[in-house]
Amino acid sequence: MKAWRRCCAGLLAVLWLSGCGSDNNDSATEQEPQQEQPIDVASESAAAPAEVDPLAVEINASATLRGDRRLMVEGETNLPDETHLLLVVERELSGVRWQARTTVSDGRFAAGPFGSGSGLPDGGYTITVDLVEATIQPASVQERIGKQGEHLEGDLVRSSRHGLGQVARYSRRYLIGSEPRRATDQVEVLEVE
């Protein structure tokens, strides 16, 4: 039985090695000389990366309080369509946070409602809109902002915490109601600068 296996293994090895040879039976002296192809300068310049103008990031957001005392956030930006954003609402007193991911469409974004089912109590809240790292943005967005966000500029732009290039962050403080520690049904959302 062992001899049979060795014979089969040897036969397979010979067949495999014979398949590795060249199919070309011509000798090296009989081959035609290869012609040099002309270099197309236009195609080489097209392969070079196009110069991209810097993008001065602009983000503006506003908040509205729904009837159930939960917060809706919407805003405008000059970031390209399909850009992924992360919106975070944080209650200053307790540090409780709510977050949602959204996408830019026609220069606008929206997310919410934020808050617990019982609604948000009166007090101060911080609303943050983050442009997440370029590495997880769609290819069309990366073309505009750069693979590492290198085309981004402006007051909202900073280095990523994880060393993945540049990101942008918009943050604004909002006050809900008039008394920070007591909830009422008659409230108004005010922007605090």
C-alpha atoms as a PDB file:
ATOM      1  CA  MET A   1       0.000   0.000   0.000  1.00  0.00           C
ATOM      2  CA  LYS A   2       2.861   2.394   0.838  1.00  0.00           C
ATOM      3  CA  ALA A   3       4.525   1.640  -2.480  1.00  0.00           C
ATOM      4  CA  TRP A   4       1.270   2.486  -4.299  1.00  0.00           C
ATOM      5  CA  ARG A   5       1.061   5.885  -2.536  1.00  0.00           C
ATOM      6  CA  ARG A   6       4.696   6.658  -3.346  1.00  0.00           C
ATOM      7  CA  CYS A   7       4.142   5.737  -6.985  1.00  0.00           C
ATOM      8  CA  CYS A   8       1.028   7.962  -7.224  1.00  0.00           C
ATOM      9  CA  ALA A   9       2.785  10.840  -5.465  1.00  0.00           C
ATOM     10  CA  GLY A  10       5.776  10.515  -7.803  1.00  0.00           C
ATOM     11  CA  LEU A  11       3.526  10.416 -10.869  1.00  0.00           C
ATOM     12  CA  LEU A  12       1.669  13.557  -9.707  1.00  0.00           C
ATOM     13  CA  ALA A  13       4.962  15.363  -9.096  1.00  0.00           C
ATOM     14  CA  VAL A  14       6.203  14.518 -12.617  1.00  0.00           C
ATOM     15  CA  LEU A  15       2.928  15.693 -14.184  1.00  0.00           C
ATOM     16  CA  TRP A  16       3.001  18.914 -12.170  1.00  0.00           C
ATOM     17  CA  LEU A  17       6.614  19.665 -13.077  1.00  0.00           C
ATOM     18  CA  SER A  18       6.012  18.973 -16.765  1.00  0.00           C
ATOM     19  CA  GLY A  19       3.205  21.555 -16.690  1.00  0.00           C
ATOM     20  CA  CYS A  20       5.623  24.193 -15.358  1.00  0.00           C
ATOM     21  CA  GLY A  21       7.754  24.220 -18.522  1.00  0.00           C
ATOM     22  CA  SER A  22       7.519  26.781 -21.283  1.00  0.00           C
ATOM     23  CA  ASP A  23       5.033  26.177 -24.090  1.00  0.00           C
ATOM     24  CA  ASN A  24       7.273  28.141 -26.443  1.00  0.00           C
ATOM     25  CA  ASN A  25       9.507  25.691 -28.366  1.00  0.00           C
ATOM     26  CA  ASP A  26      11.327  28.429 -30.295  1.00  0.00           C
ATOM     27  CA  SER A  27      14.944  29.022 -29.430  1.00  0.00           C
ATOM     28  CA  ALA A  28      16.062  32.385 -28.108  1.00  0.00           C
ATOM     29  CA  THR A  29      17.895  33.187 -31.392  1.00  0.00           C
ATOM     30  CA  GLU A  30      14.781  32.727 -33.533  1.00  0.00           C
ATOM     31  CA  GLN A  31      12.605  35.166 -31.556  1.00  0.00           C
ATOM     32  CA  GLU A  32      11.659  38.449 -33.180  1.00  0.00           C
ATOM     33  CA  PRO A  33      13.119  41.546 -31.535  1.00  0.00           C
ATOM     34  CA  GLN A  34      10.628  43.433 -29.434  1.00  0.00           C
ATOM     35  CA  GLN A  35       9.611  46.835 -30.677  1.00  0.00           C
ATOM     36  CA  GLU A  36       9.735  49.711 -28.222  1.00  0.00           C
ATOM     37  CA  GLN A  37       6.380  51.302 -27.562  1.00  0.00           C
ATOM     38  CA  PRO A  38       6.245  55.105 -27.771  1.00  0.00           C
ATOM     39  CA  ILE A  39       5.613  56.820 -24.439  1.00  0.00           C
ATOM     40  CA  ASP A  40       2.357  58.752 -24.299  1.00  0.00           C
ATOM     41  CA  VAL A  41       3.162  61.898 -22.293  1.00  0.00           C
ATOM     42  CA  ALA A  42      -0.523  62.896 -22.090  1.00  0.00           C
ATOM     43  CA  SER A  43      -1.515  59.671 -20.301  1.00  0.00           C
ATOM     44  CA  GLU A  44       1.331  60.031 -17.792  1.00  0.00           C
ATOM     45  CA  SER A  45       0.286  63.558 -16.858  1.00  0.00           C
ATOM     46  CA  ALA A  46      -3.318  62.401 -16.435  1.00  0.00           C
ATOM     47  CA  ALA A  47      -2.156  59.825 -13.899  1.00  0.00           C
ATOM     48  CA  ALA A  48      -0.590  62.529 -11.719  1.00  0.00           C
ATOM     49  CA  PRO A  49      -2.869  63.590  -8.848  1.00  0.00           C
ATOM     50  CA  ALA A  50      -4.895  66.716  -9.511  1.00  0.00           C
ATOM     51  CA  GLU A  51      -4.281  69.746  -7.315  1.00  0.00           C
ATOM     52  CA  VAL A  52      -7.149  70.140  -4.815  1.00  0.00           C
ATOM     53  CA  ASP A  53      -8.043  73.528  -3.356  1.00  0.00           C
ATOM     54  CA  PRO A  54      -8.178  73.725   0.460  1.00  0.00           C
ATOM     55  CA  LEU A  55     -11.647  73.482   2.013  1.00  0.00           C
ATOM     56  CA  ALA A  56     -12.311  76.030   4.765  1.00  0.00           C
ATOM     57  CA  VAL A  57     -14.769  73.985   6.857  1.00  0.00           C
ATOM     58  CA  GLU A  58     -18.010  75.695   7.878  1.00  0.00           C
ATOM     59  CA  ILE A  59     -20.568  74.020  10.139  1.00  0.00           C
ATOM     60  CA  ASN A  60     -23.588  75.662  11.763  1.00  0.00           C
ATOM     61  CA  ALA A  61     -26.174  73.803  13.830  1.00  0.00           C
ATOM     62  CA  SER A  62     -29.394  74.714  15.603  1.00  0.00           C
ATOM     63  CA  ALA A  63     -31.569  72.832  18.060  1.00  0.00           C
ATOM     64  CA  THR A  64     -35.319  72.682  18.575  1.00  0.00           C
ATOM     65  CA  LEU A  65     -37.207  71.136  21.464  1.00  0.00           C
ATOM     66  CA  ARG A  66     -40.076  68.864  20.442  1.00  0.00           C
ATOM     67  CA  GLY A  67     -43.363  68.573  22.308  1.00  0.00           C
ATOM     68  CA  ASP A  68     -42.055  65.475  24.135  1.00  0.00           C
ATOM     69  CA  ARG A  69     -39.066  67.580  25.401  1.00  0.00           C
ATOM     70  CA  ARG A  70     -36.566  65.784  23.204  1.00  0.00           C
ATOM     71  CA  LEU A  71     -34.054  67.717  21.135  1.00  0.00           C
ATOM     72  CA  MET A  72     -33.758  67.775  17.336  1.00  0.00           C
ATOM     73  CA  VAL A  73     -30.522  69.057  15.791  1.00  0.00           C
ATOM     74  CA  GLU A  74     -30.182  70.268  12.224  1.00  0.00           C
ATOM     75  CA  GLY A  75     -27.589  72.314  10.434  1.00  0.00           C
ATOM     76  CA  GLU A  76     -25.747  73.416   7.337  1.00  0.00           C
ATOM     77  CA  THR A  77     -22.197  72.797   6.136  1.00  0.00           C
ATOM     78  CA  ASN A  78     -19.991  73.264   3.115  1.00  0.00           C
ATOM     79  CA  LEU A  79     -18.665  69.693   3.442  1.00  0.00           C
ATOM     80  CA  PRO A  80     -19.373  67.484   0.405  1.00  0.00           C
ATOM     81  CA  ASP A  81     -22.528  65.398   0.125  1.00  0.00           C
ATOM     82  CA  GLU A  82     -22.296  61.907   1.694  1.00  0.00           C
ATOM     83  CA  THR A  83     -19.898  63.166   4.407  1.00  0.00           C
ATOM     84  CA  HIS A  84     -20.402  61.203   7.638  1.00  0.00           C
ATOM     85  CA  LEU A  85     -20.915  63.290  10.777  1.00  0.00           C
ATOM     86  CA  LEU A  86     -21.300  62.360  14.444  1.00  0.00           C
ATOM     87  CA  LEU A  87     -23.672  64.518  16.531  1.00  0.00           C
ATOM     88  CA  VAL A  88     -23.411  64.443  20.320  1.00  0.00           C
ATOM     89  CA  VAL A  89     -25.693  66.127  22.860  1.00  0.00           C
ATOM     90  CA  GLU A  90     -24.315  66.239  26.415  1.00  0.00           C
ATOM     91  CA  ARG A  91     -26.068  67.445  29.556  1.00  0.00           C
ATOM     92  CA  GLU A  92     -23.597  69.645  31.441  1.00  0.00           C
ATOM     93  CA  LEU A  93     -24.880  68.871  34.942  1.00  0.00           C
ATOM     94  CA  SER A  94     -24.700  65.068  34.728  1.00  0.00           C
ATOM     95  CA  GLY A  95     -22.424  64.431  31.737  1.00  0.00           C
ATOM     96  CA  VAL A  96     -25.057  62.129  30.185  1.00  0.00           C
ATOM     97  CA  ARG A  97     -24.546  61.921  26.420  1.00  0.00           C
ATOM     98  CA  TRP A  98     -26.698  60.996  23.449  1.00  0.00           C
ATOM     99  CA  GLN A  99     -25.184  60.546  20.006  1.00  0.00           C
ATOM    100  CA  ALA A 100     -26.258  59.826  16.446  1.00  0.00           C
ATOM    101  CA  ARG A 101     -24.530  59.441  13.099  1.00  0.00           C
ATOM    102  CA  THR A 102     -25.825  61.345  10.105  1.00  0.00           C
ATOM    103  CA  THR A 103     -24.845  62.142   6.510  1.00  0.00           C
ATOM    104  CA  VAL A 104     -24.634  65.460   4.669  1.00  0.00           C
ATOM    105  CA  SER A 105     -27.137  65.848   1.842  1.00  0.00           C
ATOM    106  CA  ASP A 106     -27.434  69.047  -0.238  1.00  0.00           C
ATOM    107  CA  GLY A 107     -25.304  70.880   2.335  1.00  0.00           C
ATOM    108  CA  ARG A 108     -27.627  69.990   5.223  1.00  0.00           C
ATOM    109  CA  PHE A 109     -27.723  67.436   8.047  1.00  0.00           C
ATOM    110  CA  ALA A 110     -30.184  66.493  10.788  1.00  0.00           C
ATOM    111  CA  ALA A 111     -30.357  64.050  13.682  1.00  0.00           C
ATOM    112  CA  GLY A 112     -32.504  63.293  16.678  1.00  0.00           C
ATOM    113  CA  PRO A 113     -34.503  63.139  18.734  1.00  0.00           C
ATOM    114  CA  PHE A 114     -31.980  63.288  21.577  1.00  0.00           C
ATOM    115  CA  GLY A 115     -32.887  62.652  25.187  1.00  0.00           C
ATOM    116  CA  SER A 116     -34.615  60.078  27.316  1.00  0.00           C
ATOM    117  CA  GLY A 117     -38.211  59.053  26.806  1.00  0.00           C
ATOM    118  CA  SER A 118     -39.301  61.328  29.650  1.00  0.00           C
ATOM    119  CA  GLY A 119     -37.687  64.330  27.977  1.00  0.00           C
ATOM    120  CA  LEU A 120     -34.805  66.628  28.804  1.00  0.00           C
ATOM    121  CA  PRO A 121     -34.811  68.564  32.066  1.00  0.00           C
ATOM    122  CA  ASP A 122     -34.019  72.271  32.048  1.00  0.00           C
ATOM    123  CA  GLY A 123     -30.343  73.107  32.037  1.00  0.00           C
ATOM    124  CA  GLY A 124     -27.260  73.575  29.946  1.00  0.00           C
ATOM    125  CA  TYR A 125     -26.417  71.247  27.071  1.00  0.00           C
ATOM    126  CA  THR A 126     -23.490  71.093  24.669  1.00  0.00           C
ATOM    127  CA  ILE A 127     -24.150  70.107  21.073  1.00  0.00           C
ATOM    128  CA  THR A 128     -21.112  68.871  19.145  1.00  0.00           C
ATOM    129  CA  VAL A 129     -20.880  68.049  15.440  1.00  0.00           C
ATOM    130  CA  ASP A 130     -17.796  66.015  14.506  1.00  0.00           C
ATOM    131  CA  LEU A 131     -16.441  65.328  11.034  1.00  0.00           C
ATOM    132  CA  VAL A 132     -15.113  61.797  11.518  1.00  0.00           C
ATOM    133  CA  GLU A 133     -11.724  60.673  10.159  1.00  0.00           C
ATOM    134  CA  ALA A 134     -11.249  60.691   6.401  1.00  0.00           C
ATOM    135  CA  THR A 135     -10.292  57.004   6.396  1.00  0.00           C
ATOM    136  CA  ILE A 136     -13.911  56.022   7.065  1.00  0.00           C
ATOM    137  CA  GLN A 137     -15.478  58.557   4.700  1.00  0.00           C
ATOM    138  CA  PRO A 138     -16.745  57.479   1.253  1.00  0.00           C
ATOM    139  CA  ALA A 139     -14.244  57.689  -1.636  1.00  0.00           C
ATOM    140  CA  SER A 140     -16.008  60.727  -3.142  1.00  0.00           C
ATOM    141  CA  VAL A 141     -15.567  62.622   0.146  1.00  0.00           C
ATOM    142  CA  GLN A 142     -11.926  61.527   0.480  1.00  0.00           C
ATOM    143  CA  GLU A 143     -11.211  62.970  -2.983  1.00  0.00           C
ATOM    144  CA  ARG A 144     -12.311  66.410  -1.749  1.00  0.00           C
ATOM    145  CA  ILE A 145     -10.965  66.440   1.823  1.00  0.00           C
ATOM    146  CA  GLY A 146      -7.906  64.216   1.280  1.00  0.00           C
ATOM    147  CA  LYS A 147      -7.052  60.704   2.462  1.00  0.00           C
ATOM    148  CA  GLN A 148      -5.915  62.139   5.821  1.00  0.00           C
ATOM    149  CA  GLY A 149      -8.061  65.288   5.779  1.00  0.00           C
ATOM    150  CA  GLU A 150      -5.057  67.244   4.507  1.00  0.00           C
ATOM    151  CA  HIS A 151      -7.220  69.563   2.370  1.00  0.00           C
ATOM    152  CA  LEU A 152      -9.209  70.797   5.390  1.00  0.00           C
ATOM    153  CA  GLU A 153      -8.526  74.211   6.914  1.00  0.00           C
ATOM    154  CA  GLY A 154     -10.159  76.769   9.178  1.00  0.00           C
ATOM    155  CA  ASP A 155     -10.971  77.374  12.838  1.00  0.00           C
ATOM    156  CA  LEU A 156     -12.923  74.116  13.216  1.00  0.00           C
ATOM    157  CA  VAL A 157     -10.070  71.880  11.947  1.00  0.00           C
ATOM    158  CA  ARG A 158      -7.738  70.008  14.325  1.00  0.00           C
ATOM    159  CA  SER A 159      -5.645  66.848  14.434  1.00  0.00           C
ATOM    160  CA  SER A 160      -7.412  63.570  15.069  1.00  0.00           C
ATOM    161  CA  ARG A 161      -7.029  62.074  18.564  1.00  0.00           C
ATOM    162  CA  HIS A 162      -5.971  58.795  16.972  1.00  0.00           C
ATOM    163  CA  GLY A 163      -3.328  60.251  14.659  1.00  0.00           C
ATOM    164  CA  LEU A 164      -5.419  59.612  11.543  1.00  0.00           C
ATOM    165  CA  GLY A 165      -5.040  63.065  10.005  1.00  0.00           C
ATOM    166  CA  GLN A 166      -7.235  66.115  10.381  1.00  0.00           C
ATOM    167  CA  VAL A 167     -10.868  66.294  11.483  1.00  0.00           C
ATOM    168  CA  ALA A 168     -13.292  69.130  12.187  1.00  0.00           C
ATOM    169  CA  ARG A 169     -15.404  69.878  15.281  1.00  0.00           C
ATOM    170  CA  TYR A 170     -18.214  72.357  15.840  1.00  0.00           C
ATOM    171  CA  SER A 171     -19.449  72.810  19.400  1.00  0.00           C
ATOM    172  CA  ARG A 172     -22.092  75.110  20.858  1.00  0.00           C
ATOM    173  CA  ARG A 173     -23.691  75.462  24.295  1.00  0.00           C
ATOM    174  CA  TYR A 174     -27.484  75.629  24.570  1.00  0.00           C
ATOM    175  CA  LEU A 175     -29.747  76.409  27.514  1.00  0.00           C
ATOM    176  CA  ILE A 176     -33.101  74.688  27.799  1.00  0.00           C
ATOM    177  CA  GLY A 177     -35.636  76.431  29.998  1.00  0.00           C
ATOM    178  CA  SER A 178     -35.036  79.208  32.473  1.00  0.00           C
ATOM    179  CA  GLU A 179     -34.221  77.227  35.605  1.00  0.00           C
ATOM    180  CA  PRO A 180     -31.360  74.778  35.274  1.00  0.00           C
ATOM    181  CA  ARG A 181     -32.509  72.313  37.947  1.00  0.00           C
ATOM    182  CA  ARG A 182     -36.278  72.333  37.552  1.00  0.00           C
ATOM    183  CA  ALA A 183     -38.191  71.043  34.527  1.00  0.00           C
ATOM    184  CA  THR A 184     -41.211  72.922  33.242  1.00  0.00           C
ATOM    185  CA  ASP A 185     -43.449  72.466  30.236  1.00  0.00           C
ATOM    186  CA  GLN A 186     -43.077  76.080  29.078  1.00  0.00           C
ATOM    187  CA  VAL A 187     -39.465  76.201  27.850  1.00  0.00           C
ATOM    188  CA  GLU A 188     -37.507  77.890  25.161  1.00  0.00           C
ATOM    189  CA  VAL A 189     -34.234  76.761  23.558  1.00  0.00           C
ATOM    190  CA  LEU A 190     -31.702  79.585  23.716  1.00  0.00           C
ATOM    191  CA  GLU A 191     -28.256  79.638  22.189  1.00  0.00           C
ATOM    192  CA  VAL A 192     -25.505  80.703  24.587  1.00  0.00           C
ATOM    193  CA  GLU A 193     -22.288  82.143  23.208  1.00  0.00           C
END
